[in-house]
Each structure stands twice: as structure tokens, then as C-alpha cells.
């Protein structure tokens, strides 16, 4: 989620790859649209890929020192608790007769109010676990073995992410860490560009199988399962990346504008549901037809993030930046 920081020796960070931030912005658009409650059914598949993309990049830019990784995890936990307190307070103020509960306080469980906060909790837990793996020297040398083992035991369950702690997305997080082993953003970008056509065709065939074969199977009274959720989410993640790279090449100004929002993704992810809550019961807003709502919200939250960063640079850097 966050770019690499300058290390303690004062070495400057690598230049940002615009397509990475643009891909985050595209993914955030579909997440906000889904959370309006009126997006098309097919958007849920795209949101699975968006979450996968966020966790892959979070693992990719994760510190490689156990201490720094653990420190970032503790900061995520603090951010989760802080915003959960705000969420619980708003719930009590806006819901007449609401009963206080620890689930609302922590944004975890059946009674949670602001469900997107599960992302911060999971991100913190993943980073704590990876900090332990780094300390035990399982990472980065054996990163791909760890990814294979996690993928073999990955599971999905009937409970939502905000109700219980699930480890589905840890595969994507550690995959990002594995991709960083022996690579850097420039080499990753070059590899994606050189294989863009092959990847697009392969993913198109895969997604056709995922979505078309089950329909044919139901028409023939047959049960057809062709893919697991992690594989489908990873396919959409690659498509987000390729689409962002295409924007950088063909519409560089649009990509640059989107990248500005991509740099504030943690802030946008945390705050967007609070902003949407204002409009949920508004009689004149139809989210199904007005897809300008996620576009407008991304712009507004990005400008707010920029203004707060200029006014409170240290606090914003501590909470949402490096």
C-alpha cells in the first residue's frame, strides 16, 4: 500500500512507478462503487481483484527488516483502533437506540459498523507474521516456498472478512514479498510491458472459463467449478496493472492525475465509507446510475489528504505515509 521509505542511512527512495499508483486508483474506484450498495453484480469480482492488488503491493513494498516491519504493523493496529473508536462513536450518534458493543468498538464482528476497517486489522496481522518469518530467515530466501504452502492451505469460508480473521489474502501479501525478491519496480514494470499481450490473452481465456463454463454447466444441470477465488482475484489484479500501464502510455496526463489518488490509498480506504454514509439515505441520489459518486469521492478525499498532509505533515506521515 505504501511506497518504500528512505532508510536510516539517508538513501533516497526509488522513483515511483506511475502505473502502480494509477492501478490503485482504478481498484479504489470499484471498491467505493461497490460500497455504495448499488453497483452491478459483476463489480464484486472486480473488487476481489482490487483487494488482491492492494495486498500484493503492500507485501511488495513491505520493509525487509523485521523490526521495521513489526513497527509498521503496530502502527496499522493503532490506526485500526483509532478509526474504530471514531466509527463506534458515529454509530451511537446516528443510530437511535443503538446498543454499545465491543464489536462496534473494534469494527470486528456481526455488530461492526464500519466494515472496511477489517483491511487495516488484517494488514497489521500479516505484517506481524511476516516480521516473524523475516526474523526466522524464512523470508526472503524461501519466499516462493512459503507462498506455495500458504496457497495450498488457503481457504474461503461463509463469514465475512469483518466478522472473523481470515488468511485468504495473506497469500497475496506474501506473493508481493516474493515478487520483490530479486526484482525492483523498474524490472517488474519492464516484465509486465514485455509480456502484456500474452498475459492479456491468457487471463481473458481464464476469465471466460471462470464465468462462462459454470453457466453452461447449470444449463445442463451439471456442477462446474473451474477455478479458486485466489486465482481469479490474481487474474483481475494483473488486468488492473496492465490497464494502468496502458493509461501511462496512451493517456499520461490521466494516469498522472489518477496516480495522485493512488498515493493516498490508505486514507481513501479508511475514510470513504464515512463519507458514503452521508448519502445512503439521500432520496435524490441513485448510485446505480450515477457512477460519478466514486469519481467525485476519490477527488475530494485526495484533495483532503493533500491539505491535511500540508497542514499536519508529521501526523499524516505517521498515520498514512512512511
C-alpha atoms as a PDB file:
ATOM      1  CA  UNK A   1       0.000   0.000   0.000  1.00  0.00           C
ATOM      2  CA  UNK A   2       2.775   2.403   0.846  1.00  0.00           C
ATOM      3  CA  UNK A   3       5.955   3.253  -1.050  1.00  0.00           C
ATOM      4  CA  UNK A   4       9.370   2.368   0.294  1.00  0.00           C
ATOM      5  CA  UNK A   5      10.857   4.974   2.595  1.00  0.00           C
ATOM      6  CA  UNK A   6      14.362   6.293   2.709  1.00  0.00           C
ATOM      7  CA  UNK A   7      16.405   4.065   5.011  1.00  0.00           C
ATOM      8  CA  UNK A   8      18.227   5.089   8.149  1.00  0.00           C
ATOM      9  CA  UNK A   9      21.384   5.862   6.160  1.00  0.00           C
ATOM     10  CA  UNK A  10      19.533   8.579   4.264  1.00  0.00           C
ATOM     11  CA  UNK A  11      19.402   6.762   0.922  1.00  0.00           C
ATOM     12  CA  UNK A  12      16.679   8.298  -1.220  1.00  0.00           C
ATOM     13  CA  UNK A  13      13.765   6.068  -2.211  1.00  0.00           C
ATOM     14  CA  UNK A  14      13.427   4.832  -5.766  1.00  0.00           C
ATOM     15  CA  UNK A  15      11.334   6.939  -8.156  1.00  0.00           C
ATOM     16  CA  UNK A  16       7.659   5.997  -8.058  1.00  0.00           C
ATOM     17  CA  UNK A  17       6.208   3.961 -10.891  1.00  0.00           C
ATOM     18  CA  UNK A  18       3.132   5.914 -12.022  1.00  0.00           C
ATOM     19  CA  UNK A  19       1.232   2.808 -13.136  1.00  0.00           C
ATOM     20  CA  UNK A  20       1.345   1.315  -9.626  1.00  0.00           C
ATOM     21  CA  UNK A  21      -0.451   4.300  -8.111  1.00  0.00           C
ATOM     22  CA  UNK A  22      -2.813   4.518 -11.105  1.00  0.00           C
ATOM     23  CA  UNK A  23      -3.724   0.839 -10.658  1.00  0.00           C
ATOM     24  CA  UNK A  24      -4.524   1.510  -7.002  1.00  0.00           C
ATOM     25  CA  UNK A  25      -6.799   4.375  -8.038  1.00  0.00           C
ATOM     26  CA  UNK A  26      -8.690   2.195 -10.549  1.00  0.00           C
ATOM     27  CA  UNK A  27      -9.099  -0.511  -7.913  1.00  0.00           C
ATOM     28  CA  UNK A  28     -10.306   2.008  -5.324  1.00  0.00           C
ATOM     29  CA  UNK A  29     -12.956   3.264  -7.743  1.00  0.00           C
ATOM     30  CA  UNK A  30     -14.590  -0.167  -7.946  1.00  0.00           C
ATOM     31  CA  UNK A  31     -14.371  -0.646  -4.157  1.00  0.00           C
ATOM     32  CA  UNK A  32     -16.124   2.666  -3.496  1.00  0.00           C
ATOM     33  CA  UNK A  33     -18.716   1.861  -6.161  1.00  0.00           C
ATOM     34  CA  UNK A  34     -19.421  -1.496  -4.515  1.00  0.00           C
ATOM     35  CA  UNK A  35     -19.802   0.122  -1.099  1.00  0.00           C
ATOM     36  CA  UNK A  36     -22.497   2.443  -2.427  1.00  0.00           C
ATOM     37  CA  UNK A  37     -24.721  -0.640  -2.416  1.00  0.00           C
ATOM     38  CA  UNK A  38     -25.960  -0.075  -5.969  1.00  0.00           C
ATOM     39  CA  UNK A  39     -23.150  -1.268  -8.247  1.00  0.00           C
ATOM     40  CA  UNK A  40     -23.713  -4.050 -10.830  1.00  0.00           C
ATOM     41  CA  UNK A  41     -23.336  -7.664  -9.718  1.00  0.00           C
ATOM     42  CA  UNK A  42     -20.184  -8.161 -11.792  1.00  0.00           C
ATOM     43  CA  UNK A  43     -18.394  -5.491  -9.751  1.00  0.00           C
ATOM     44  CA  UNK A  44     -17.935  -7.904  -6.839  1.00  0.00           C
ATOM     45  CA  UNK A  45     -15.498  -9.922  -8.974  1.00  0.00           C
ATOM     46  CA  UNK A  46     -13.521  -6.784  -9.790  1.00  0.00           C
ATOM     47  CA  UNK A  47     -13.404  -5.826  -6.111  1.00  0.00           C
ATOM     48  CA  UNK A  48     -11.877  -9.207  -5.280  1.00  0.00           C
ATOM     49  CA  UNK A  49      -9.084  -8.333  -7.694  1.00  0.00           C
ATOM     50  CA  UNK A  50      -8.807  -4.847  -6.190  1.00  0.00           C
ATOM     51  CA  UNK A  51      -8.243  -6.233  -2.695  1.00  0.00           C
ATOM     52  CA  UNK A  52      -5.740  -8.707  -4.089  1.00  0.00           C
ATOM     53  CA  UNK A  53      -3.878  -5.860  -5.789  1.00  0.00           C
ATOM     54  CA  UNK A  54      -3.704  -3.849  -2.559  1.00  0.00           C
ATOM     55  CA  UNK A  55      -2.305  -6.778  -0.582  1.00  0.00           C
ATOM     56  CA  UNK A  56       0.202  -7.726  -3.301  1.00  0.00           C
ATOM     57  CA  UNK A  57       1.605  -4.188  -3.378  1.00  0.00           C
ATOM     58  CA  UNK A  58       1.537  -3.991   0.431  1.00  0.00           C
ATOM     59  CA  UNK A  59       3.736  -7.085   0.544  1.00  0.00           C
ATOM     60  CA  UNK A  60       5.896  -5.817  -2.311  1.00  0.00           C
ATOM     61  CA  UNK A  61       6.754  -2.539  -0.554  1.00  0.00           C
ATOM     62  CA  UNK A  62       6.976  -4.058   2.914  1.00  0.00           C
ATOM     63  CA  UNK A  63      10.206  -3.302   4.872  1.00  0.00           C
ATOM     64  CA  UNK A  64      12.703  -6.145   4.747  1.00  0.00           C
ATOM     65  CA  UNK A  65      13.973  -5.602   8.288  1.00  0.00           C
ATOM     66  CA  UNK A  66      11.967  -7.486  10.967  1.00  0.00           C
ATOM     67  CA  UNK A  67      11.996  -4.523  13.347  1.00  0.00           C
ATOM     68  CA  UNK A  68      10.732  -2.015  10.779  1.00  0.00           C
ATOM     69  CA  UNK A  69       8.121  -4.476   9.549  1.00  0.00           C
ATOM     70  CA  UNK A  70       6.844  -5.026  13.109  1.00  0.00           C
ATOM     71  CA  UNK A  71       6.824  -1.266  13.753  1.00  0.00           C
ATOM     72  CA  UNK A  72       4.690  -0.693  10.668  1.00  0.00           C
ATOM     73  CA  UNK A  73       2.333  -3.463  11.800  1.00  0.00           C
ATOM     74  CA  UNK A  74       1.900  -1.835  15.210  1.00  0.00           C
ATOM     75  CA  UNK A  75       1.171   1.473  13.504  1.00  0.00           C
ATOM     76  CA  UNK A  76      -1.544  -0.216  11.434  1.00  0.00           C
ATOM     77  CA  UNK A  77      -3.050  -1.699  14.603  1.00  0.00           C
ATOM     78  CA  UNK A  78      -3.082   1.728  16.226  1.00  0.00           C
ATOM     79  CA  UNK A  79      -4.703   3.218  13.123  1.00  0.00           C
ATOM     80  CA  UNK A  80      -7.333   0.445  13.181  1.00  0.00           C
ATOM     81  CA  UNK A  81      -8.187   1.086  16.843  1.00  0.00           C
ATOM     82  CA  UNK A  82      -8.256   4.868  16.348  1.00  0.00           C
ATOM     83  CA  UNK A  83     -10.686   4.762  13.430  1.00  0.00           C
ATOM     84  CA  UNK A  84     -12.758   2.024  15.054  1.00  0.00           C
ATOM     85  CA  UNK A  85     -13.320   4.327  18.018  1.00  0.00           C
ATOM     86  CA  UNK A  86     -14.490   7.049  15.631  1.00  0.00           C
ATOM     87  CA  UNK A  87     -16.703   4.550  13.830  1.00  0.00           C
ATOM     88  CA  UNK A  88     -18.306   3.363  17.062  1.00  0.00           C
ATOM     89  CA  UNK A  89     -18.928   6.936  18.164  1.00  0.00           C
ATOM     90  CA  UNK A  90     -20.597   7.864  14.878  1.00  0.00           C
ATOM     91  CA  UNK A  91     -22.730   4.735  15.071  1.00  0.00           C
ATOM     92  CA  UNK A  92     -24.005   5.673  18.528  1.00  0.00           C
ATOM     93  CA  UNK A  93     -24.745   9.229  17.369  1.00  0.00           C
ATOM     94  CA  UNK A  94     -26.557   8.329  14.152  1.00  0.00           C
ATOM     95  CA  UNK A  95     -28.470   5.223  15.263  1.00  0.00           C
ATOM     96  CA  UNK A  96     -31.171   5.971  17.788  1.00  0.00           C
ATOM     97  CA  UNK A  97     -31.428   3.303  20.458  1.00  0.00           C
ATOM     98  CA  UNK A  98     -28.145   1.688  19.403  1.00  0.00           C
ATOM     99  CA  UNK A  99     -26.602  -0.598  21.984  1.00  0.00           C
ATOM    100  CA  UNK A 100     -22.903  -0.283  22.736  1.00  0.00           C
ATOM    101  CA  UNK A 101     -20.814  -3.369  21.984  1.00  0.00           C
ATOM    102  CA  UNK A 102     -17.151  -4.318  21.685  1.00  0.00           C
ATOM    103  CA  UNK A 103     -17.857  -5.400  18.110  1.00  0.00           C
ATOM    104  CA  UNK A 104     -18.793  -1.836  17.208  1.00  0.00           C
ATOM    105  CA  UNK A 105     -15.857  -0.516  19.180  1.00  0.00           C
ATOM    106  CA  UNK A 106     -13.304  -2.574  17.238  1.00  0.00           C
ATOM    107  CA  UNK A 107     -15.101  -2.848  13.895  1.00  0.00           C
ATOM    108  CA  UNK A 108     -14.939  -6.628  14.187  1.00  0.00           C
ATOM    109  CA  UNK A 109     -17.923  -8.964  14.333  1.00  0.00           C
ATOM    110  CA  UNK A 110     -21.599  -9.158  13.456  1.00  0.00           C
ATOM    111  CA  UNK A 111     -22.313  -5.780  15.020  1.00  0.00           C
ATOM    112  CA  UNK A 112     -19.480  -3.903  13.304  1.00  0.00           C
ATOM    113  CA  UNK A 113     -20.453  -0.544  11.854  1.00  0.00           C
ATOM    114  CA  UNK A 114     -17.639   0.449   9.518  1.00  0.00           C
ATOM    115  CA  UNK A 115     -16.741  -2.881   7.951  1.00  0.00           C
ATOM    116  CA  UNK A 116     -13.882  -1.700   5.644  1.00  0.00           C
ATOM    117  CA  UNK A 117     -11.704  -1.338   8.746  1.00  0.00           C
ATOM    118  CA  UNK A 118     -11.042  -5.090   8.599  1.00  0.00           C
ATOM    119  CA  UNK A 119      -8.425  -4.252   5.973  1.00  0.00           C
ATOM    120  CA  UNK A 120      -6.213  -2.439   8.483  1.00  0.00           C
ATOM    121  CA  UNK A 121      -6.541  -5.244  11.013  1.00  0.00           C
ATOM    122  CA  UNK A 122      -5.596  -7.931   8.501  1.00  0.00           C
ATOM    123  CA  UNK A 123      -2.751  -5.857   7.080  1.00  0.00           C
ATOM    124  CA  UNK A 124      -1.320  -5.406  10.569  1.00  0.00           C
ATOM    125  CA  UNK A 125      -1.593  -9.122  11.379  1.00  0.00           C
ATOM    126  CA  UNK A 126       0.017 -10.128   8.080  1.00  0.00           C
ATOM    127  CA  UNK A 127       2.935  -7.763   8.677  1.00  0.00           C
ATOM    128  CA  UNK A 128       3.452  -9.093  12.209  1.00  0.00           C
ATOM    129  CA  UNK A 129       3.528 -12.655  10.885  1.00  0.00           C
ATOM    130  CA  UNK A 130       5.900 -11.711   8.079  1.00  0.00           C
ATOM    131  CA  UNK A 131       8.142  -9.892  10.570  1.00  0.00           C
ATOM    132  CA  UNK A 132       8.414 -13.225  12.396  1.00  0.00           C
ATOM    133  CA  UNK A 133       9.220 -15.017   9.131  1.00  0.00           C
ATOM    134  CA  UNK A 134      11.928 -12.451   8.401  1.00  0.00           C
ATOM    135  CA  UNK A 135      13.388 -12.944  11.867  1.00  0.00           C
ATOM    136  CA  UNK A 136      13.383 -16.737  11.338  1.00  0.00           C
ATOM    137  CA  UNK A 137      15.017 -16.287   7.889  1.00  0.00           C
ATOM    138  CA  UNK A 138      12.101 -17.948   6.115  1.00  0.00           C
ATOM    139  CA  UNK A 139      11.875 -14.751   4.057  1.00  0.00           C
ATOM    140  CA  UNK A 140      13.074 -13.592   1.654  1.00  0.00           C
ATOM    141  CA  UNK A 141      15.196 -16.610   0.660  1.00  0.00           C
ATOM    142  CA  UNK A 142      12.344 -19.143   0.866  1.00  0.00           C
ATOM    143  CA  UNK A 143       9.579 -16.731  -0.159  1.00  0.00           C
ATOM    144  CA  UNK A 144       8.208 -18.839  -3.006  1.00  0.00           C
ATOM    145  CA  UNK A 145       8.087 -21.963  -0.829  1.00  0.00           C
ATOM    146  CA  UNK A 146       6.099 -20.002   1.765  1.00  0.00           C
ATOM    147  CA  UNK A 147       3.726 -18.758  -0.966  1.00  0.00           C
ATOM    148  CA  UNK A 148       3.177 -22.329  -2.210  1.00  0.00           C
ATOM    149  CA  UNK A 149       2.443 -23.611   1.296  1.00  0.00           C
ATOM    150  CA  UNK A 150       0.043 -20.763   2.047  1.00  0.00           C
ATOM    151  CA  UNK A 151      -1.725 -21.269  -1.285  1.00  0.00           C
ATOM    152  CA  UNK A 152      -2.097 -24.990  -0.580  1.00  0.00           C
ATOM    153  CA  UNK A 153      -3.864 -24.240   2.701  1.00  0.00           C
ATOM    154  CA  UNK A 154      -5.730 -21.109   1.617  1.00  0.00           C
ATOM    155  CA  UNK A 155      -9.422 -21.287   2.222  1.00  0.00           C
ATOM    156  CA  UNK A 156     -12.607 -19.312   1.981  1.00  0.00           C
ATOM    157  CA  UNK A 157     -15.469 -19.514   4.409  1.00  0.00           C
ATOM    158  CA  UNK A 158     -19.002 -18.249   4.798  1.00  0.00           C
ATOM    159  CA  UNK A 159     -18.086 -15.499   7.251  1.00  0.00           C
ATOM    160  CA  UNK A 160     -17.258 -12.024   6.005  1.00  0.00           C
ATOM    161  CA  UNK A 161     -13.809 -10.553   6.473  1.00  0.00           C
ATOM    162  CA  UNK A 162     -15.015  -8.116   9.132  1.00  0.00           C
ATOM    163  CA  UNK A 163     -16.654 -10.858  11.230  1.00  0.00           C
ATOM    164  CA  UNK A 164     -13.642 -13.106  11.685  1.00  0.00           C
ATOM    165  CA  UNK A 165      -9.919 -13.040  10.962  1.00  0.00           C
ATOM    166  CA  UNK A 166      -9.305 -14.911   7.716  1.00  0.00           C
ATOM    167  CA  UNK A 167      -5.997 -15.554   5.993  1.00  0.00           C
ATOM    168  CA  UNK A 168      -7.188 -15.750   2.377  1.00  0.00           C
ATOM    169  CA  UNK A 169      -5.397 -12.547   1.454  1.00  0.00           C
ATOM    170  CA  UNK A 170      -2.145 -13.402   3.181  1.00  0.00           C
ATOM    171  CA  UNK A 171      -1.270 -15.434   0.087  1.00  0.00           C
ATOM    172  CA  UNK A 172      -1.402 -12.207  -1.936  1.00  0.00           C
ATOM    173  CA  UNK A 173       0.592 -10.323   0.706  1.00  0.00           C
ATOM    174  CA  UNK A 174       3.429 -12.874   0.798  1.00  0.00           C
ATOM    175  CA  UNK A 175       3.262 -13.174  -3.007  1.00  0.00           C
ATOM    176  CA  UNK A 176       4.085  -9.462  -3.158  1.00  0.00           C
ATOM    177  CA  UNK A 177       7.054 -10.052  -0.861  1.00  0.00           C
ATOM    178  CA  UNK A 178       8.199 -12.937  -3.062  1.00  0.00           C
ATOM    179  CA  UNK A 179       7.943 -10.800  -6.216  1.00  0.00           C
ATOM    180  CA  UNK A 180      10.224  -8.227  -4.599  1.00  0.00           C
ATOM    181  CA  UNK A 181      12.923 -10.869  -4.035  1.00  0.00           C
ATOM    182  CA  UNK A 182      15.500 -10.224  -6.757  1.00  0.00           C
ATOM    183  CA  UNK A 183      13.390  -7.565  -8.504  1.00  0.00           C
ATOM    184  CA  UNK A 184      12.597  -3.884  -8.214  1.00  0.00           C
ATOM    185  CA  UNK A 185       9.709  -1.755  -9.528  1.00  0.00           C
ATOM    186  CA  UNK A 186      11.588  -0.976 -12.745  1.00  0.00           C
ATOM    187  CA  UNK A 187      12.260  -4.623 -13.641  1.00  0.00           C
ATOM    188  CA  UNK A 188       8.692  -5.598 -12.708  1.00  0.00           C
ATOM    189  CA  UNK A 189       7.361  -2.867 -14.988  1.00  0.00           C
ATOM    190  CA  UNK A 190       9.614  -3.977 -17.843  1.00  0.00           C
ATOM    191  CA  UNK A 191       8.500  -7.603 -17.454  1.00  0.00           C
ATOM    192  CA  UNK A 192       4.806  -6.678 -17.494  1.00  0.00           C
ATOM    193  CA  UNK A 193       5.258  -4.488 -20.563  1.00  0.00           C
ATOM    194  CA  UNK A 194       7.122  -7.185 -22.494  1.00  0.00           C
ATOM    195  CA  UNK A 195       4.515  -9.852 -21.678  1.00  0.00           C
ATOM    196  CA  UNK A 196       1.401  -7.652 -21.776  1.00  0.00           C
ATOM    197  CA  UNK A 197      -0.191  -9.295 -24.837  1.00  0.00           C
ATOM    198  CA  UNK A 198       0.419 -12.858 -23.687  1.00  0.00           C
ATOM    199  CA  UNK A 199      -0.871 -12.086 -20.185  1.00  0.00           C
ATOM    200  CA  UNK A 200      -3.996 -10.392 -21.515  1.00  0.00           C
ATOM    201  CA  UNK A 201      -4.897 -13.316 -23.784  1.00  0.00           C
ATOM    202  CA  UNK A 202      -4.211 -15.894 -21.074  1.00  0.00           C
ATOM    203  CA  UNK A 203      -6.277 -14.012 -18.486  1.00  0.00           C
ATOM    204  CA  UNK A 204      -9.119 -13.496 -20.970  1.00  0.00           C
ATOM    205  CA  UNK A 205      -9.256 -17.253 -21.593  1.00  0.00           C
ATOM    206  CA  UNK A 206      -9.137 -17.914 -17.852  1.00  0.00           C
ATOM    207  CA  UNK A 207     -11.945 -15.463 -17.043  1.00  0.00           C
ATOM    208  CA  UNK A 208     -14.115 -16.864 -19.839  1.00  0.00           C
ATOM    209  CA  UNK A 209     -13.707 -20.295 -18.302  1.00  0.00           C
ATOM    210  CA  UNK A 210     -14.478 -18.963 -14.841  1.00  0.00           C
ATOM    211  CA  UNK A 211     -17.672 -17.153 -15.816  1.00  0.00           C
ATOM    212  CA  UNK A 212     -18.959 -18.997 -18.892  1.00  0.00           C
ATOM    213  CA  UNK A 213     -18.410 -22.677 -18.105  1.00  0.00           C
ATOM    214  CA  UNK A 214     -20.447 -22.580 -14.878  1.00  0.00           C
ATOM    215  CA  UNK A 215     -23.338 -21.021 -16.812  1.00  0.00           C
ATOM    216  CA  UNK A 216     -23.158 -23.795 -19.388  1.00  0.00           C
ATOM    217  CA  UNK A 217     -22.962 -26.359 -16.621  1.00  0.00           C
ATOM    218  CA  UNK A 218     -26.100 -25.022 -14.940  1.00  0.00           C
ATOM    219  CA  UNK A 219     -27.973 -25.111 -18.238  1.00  0.00           C
ATOM    220  CA  UNK A 220     -27.034 -28.798 -18.489  1.00  0.00           C
ATOM    221  CA  UNK A 221     -27.783 -29.489 -14.804  1.00  0.00           C
ATOM    222  CA  UNK A 222     -24.099 -30.044 -14.139  1.00  0.00           C
ATOM    223  CA  UNK A 223     -21.920 -28.575 -11.418  1.00  0.00           C
ATOM    224  CA  UNK A 224     -18.814 -26.989 -12.945  1.00  0.00           C
ATOM    225  CA  UNK A 225     -16.044 -25.415 -10.859  1.00  0.00           C
ATOM    226  CA  UNK A 226     -13.065 -24.273 -12.848  1.00  0.00           C
ATOM    227  CA  UNK A 227     -11.052 -22.023 -10.549  1.00  0.00           C
ATOM    228  CA  UNK A 228     -10.464 -20.893  -6.997  1.00  0.00           C
ATOM    229  CA  UNK A 229     -11.143 -17.381  -5.728  1.00  0.00           C
ATOM    230  CA  UNK A 230      -7.441 -16.513  -5.177  1.00  0.00           C
ATOM    231  CA  UNK A 231      -6.581 -17.374  -8.792  1.00  0.00           C
ATOM    232  CA  UNK A 232      -9.478 -15.319 -10.138  1.00  0.00           C
ATOM    233  CA  UNK A 233      -8.554 -12.356  -7.919  1.00  0.00           C
ATOM    234  CA  UNK A 234      -4.936 -12.542  -9.074  1.00  0.00           C
ATOM    235  CA  UNK A 235      -6.082 -12.537 -12.697  1.00  0.00           C
ATOM    236  CA  UNK A 236      -8.070  -9.337 -12.136  1.00  0.00           C
ATOM    237  CA  UNK A 237      -5.083  -7.859 -10.284  1.00  0.00           C
ATOM    238  CA  UNK A 238      -2.889  -8.336 -13.350  1.00  0.00           C
ATOM    239  CA  UNK A 239      -5.577  -6.777 -15.532  1.00  0.00           C
ATOM    240  CA  UNK A 240      -5.675  -3.706 -13.267  1.00  0.00           C
ATOM    241  CA  UNK A 241      -1.905  -3.419 -13.633  1.00  0.00           C
ATOM    242  CA  UNK A 242      -1.979  -3.783 -17.421  1.00  0.00           C
ATOM    243  CA  UNK A 243      -4.807  -1.251 -17.725  1.00  0.00           C
ATOM    244  CA  UNK A 244      -2.850   1.245 -15.624  1.00  0.00           C
ATOM    245  CA  UNK A 245       0.264   0.715 -17.750  1.00  0.00           C
ATOM    246  CA  UNK A 246      -1.828   1.315 -20.855  1.00  0.00           C
ATOM    247  CA  UNK A 247      -3.054   4.611 -19.392  1.00  0.00           C
ATOM    248  CA  UNK A 248       0.512   5.678 -18.654  1.00  0.00           C
ATOM    249  CA  UNK A 249       1.437   5.029 -22.275  1.00  0.00           C
ATOM    250  CA  UNK A 250      -1.607   6.375 -24.100  1.00  0.00           C
ATOM    251  CA  UNK A 251      -3.113   8.906 -21.652  1.00  0.00           C
ATOM    252  CA  UNK A 252      -0.191  10.042 -19.482  1.00  0.00           C
ATOM    253  CA  UNK A 253      -1.970  13.086 -18.034  1.00  0.00           C
ATOM    254  CA  UNK A 254      -4.948  10.999 -16.947  1.00  0.00           C
ATOM    255  CA  UNK A 255      -2.614   8.405 -15.446  1.00  0.00           C
ATOM    256  CA  UNK A 256      -0.688  11.106 -13.574  1.00  0.00           C
ATOM    257  CA  UNK A 257      -3.917  12.500 -12.114  1.00  0.00           C
ATOM    258  CA  UNK A 258      -5.022   9.029 -11.051  1.00  0.00           C
ATOM    259  CA  UNK A 259      -1.603   8.361  -9.527  1.00  0.00           C
ATOM    260  CA  UNK A 260      -2.120  11.328  -7.209  1.00  0.00           C
ATOM    261  CA  UNK A 261      -5.121   9.500  -5.727  1.00  0.00           C
ATOM    262  CA  UNK A 262      -3.200   6.225  -5.685  1.00  0.00           C
ATOM    263  CA  UNK A 263      -0.662   7.721  -3.290  1.00  0.00           C
ATOM    264  CA  UNK A 264      -3.375   8.306  -0.674  1.00  0.00           C
ATOM    265  CA  UNK A 265      -4.993   4.869  -0.828  1.00  0.00           C
ATOM    266  CA  UNK A 266      -4.887   4.017   2.874  1.00  0.00           C
ATOM    267  CA  UNK A 267      -6.528   7.346   3.685  1.00  0.00           C
ATOM    268  CA  UNK A 268      -9.170   6.867   0.971  1.00  0.00           C
ATOM    269  CA  UNK A 269      -9.837   3.290   2.016  1.00  0.00           C
ATOM    270  CA  UNK A 270     -10.399   4.228   5.654  1.00  0.00           C
ATOM    271  CA  UNK A 271     -12.473   7.366   5.121  1.00  0.00           C
ATOM    272  CA  UNK A 272     -14.624   6.624   2.073  1.00  0.00           C
ATOM    273  CA  UNK A 273     -17.321   4.672   3.921  1.00  0.00           C
ATOM    274  CA  UNK A 274     -17.756   7.517   6.418  1.00  0.00           C
ATOM    275  CA  UNK A 275     -18.340   9.886   3.503  1.00  0.00           C
ATOM    276  CA  UNK A 276     -20.722   7.468   1.777  1.00  0.00           C
ATOM    277  CA  UNK A 277     -22.801   7.144   4.948  1.00  0.00           C
ATOM    278  CA  UNK A 278     -23.948  10.745   4.431  1.00  0.00           C
ATOM    279  CA  UNK A 279     -25.568   9.824   1.098  1.00  0.00           C
ATOM    280  CA  UNK A 280     -27.004   6.386   1.837  1.00  0.00           C
ATOM    281  CA  UNK A 281     -30.494   7.673   2.614  1.00  0.00           C
ATOM    282  CA  UNK A 282     -30.493  10.680   0.316  1.00  0.00           C
ATOM    283  CA  UNK A 283     -33.659  10.476  -1.831  1.00  0.00           C
ATOM    284  CA  UNK A 284     -32.175  12.230  -4.871  1.00  0.00           C
ATOM    285  CA  UNK A 285     -29.041  10.139  -5.341  1.00  0.00           C
ATOM    286  CA  UNK A 286     -29.255   6.898  -7.291  1.00  0.00           C
ATOM    287  CA  UNK A 287     -25.900   5.146  -7.073  1.00  0.00           C
ATOM    288  CA  UNK A 288     -26.900   2.672  -9.789  1.00  0.00           C
ATOM    289  CA  UNK A 289     -26.891   5.369 -12.485  1.00  0.00           C
ATOM    290  CA  UNK A 290     -24.534   7.953 -11.018  1.00  0.00           C
ATOM    291  CA  UNK A 291     -21.090   6.400 -11.197  1.00  0.00           C
ATOM    292  CA  UNK A 292     -19.735   9.909 -10.735  1.00  0.00           C
ATOM    293  CA  UNK A 293     -20.090   9.331  -6.980  1.00  0.00           C
ATOM    294  CA  UNK A 294     -16.914   7.197  -6.626  1.00  0.00           C
ATOM    295  CA  UNK A 295     -15.072   9.511  -9.040  1.00  0.00           C
ATOM    296  CA  UNK A 296     -16.070  12.599  -7.052  1.00  0.00           C
ATOM    297  CA  UNK A 297     -15.274  10.936  -3.735  1.00  0.00           C
ATOM    298  CA  UNK A 298     -11.794   9.943  -4.906  1.00  0.00           C
ATOM    299  CA  UNK A 299     -11.067  13.525  -5.942  1.00  0.00           C
ATOM    300  CA  UNK A 300     -12.439  15.011  -2.716  1.00  0.00           C
ATOM    301  CA  UNK A 301     -10.586  12.577  -0.453  1.00  0.00           C
ATOM    302  CA  UNK A 302      -7.346  13.042  -2.391  1.00  0.00           C
ATOM    303  CA  UNK A 303      -7.582  16.828  -2.016  1.00  0.00           C
ATOM    304  CA  UNK A 304      -8.406  16.424   1.682  1.00  0.00           C
ATOM    305  CA  UNK A 305      -5.406  14.135   2.139  1.00  0.00           C
ATOM    306  CA  UNK A 306      -3.155  16.682   0.428  1.00  0.00           C
ATOM    307  CA  UNK A 307      -4.470  19.549   2.550  1.00  0.00           C
ATOM    308  CA  UNK A 308      -4.063  17.611   5.806  1.00  0.00           C
ATOM    309  CA  UNK A 309      -0.573  16.489   4.779  1.00  0.00           C
ATOM    310  CA  UNK A 310       0.494  20.084   4.213  1.00  0.00           C
ATOM    311  CA  UNK A 311      -1.082  21.242   7.479  1.00  0.00           C
ATOM    312  CA  UNK A 312      -0.045  18.295   9.680  1.00  0.00           C
ATOM    313  CA  UNK A 313       2.886  16.665   7.859  1.00  0.00           C
ATOM    314  CA  UNK A 314       4.302  14.665  10.761  1.00  0.00           C
ATOM    315  CA  UNK A 315       0.971  13.311  11.954  1.00  0.00           C
ATOM    316  CA  UNK A 316      -0.136  12.351   8.439  1.00  0.00           C
ATOM    317  CA  UNK A 317       3.227  10.780   7.683  1.00  0.00           C
ATOM    318  CA  UNK A 318       2.977   8.741  10.888  1.00  0.00           C
ATOM    319  CA  UNK A 319      -0.588   7.607  10.236  1.00  0.00           C
ATOM    320  CA  UNK A 320      -0.858   7.212   6.472  1.00  0.00           C
ATOM    321  CA  UNK A 321       2.609   7.533   4.952  1.00  0.00           C
ATOM    322  CA  UNK A 322       6.118   6.254   5.521  1.00  0.00           C
END
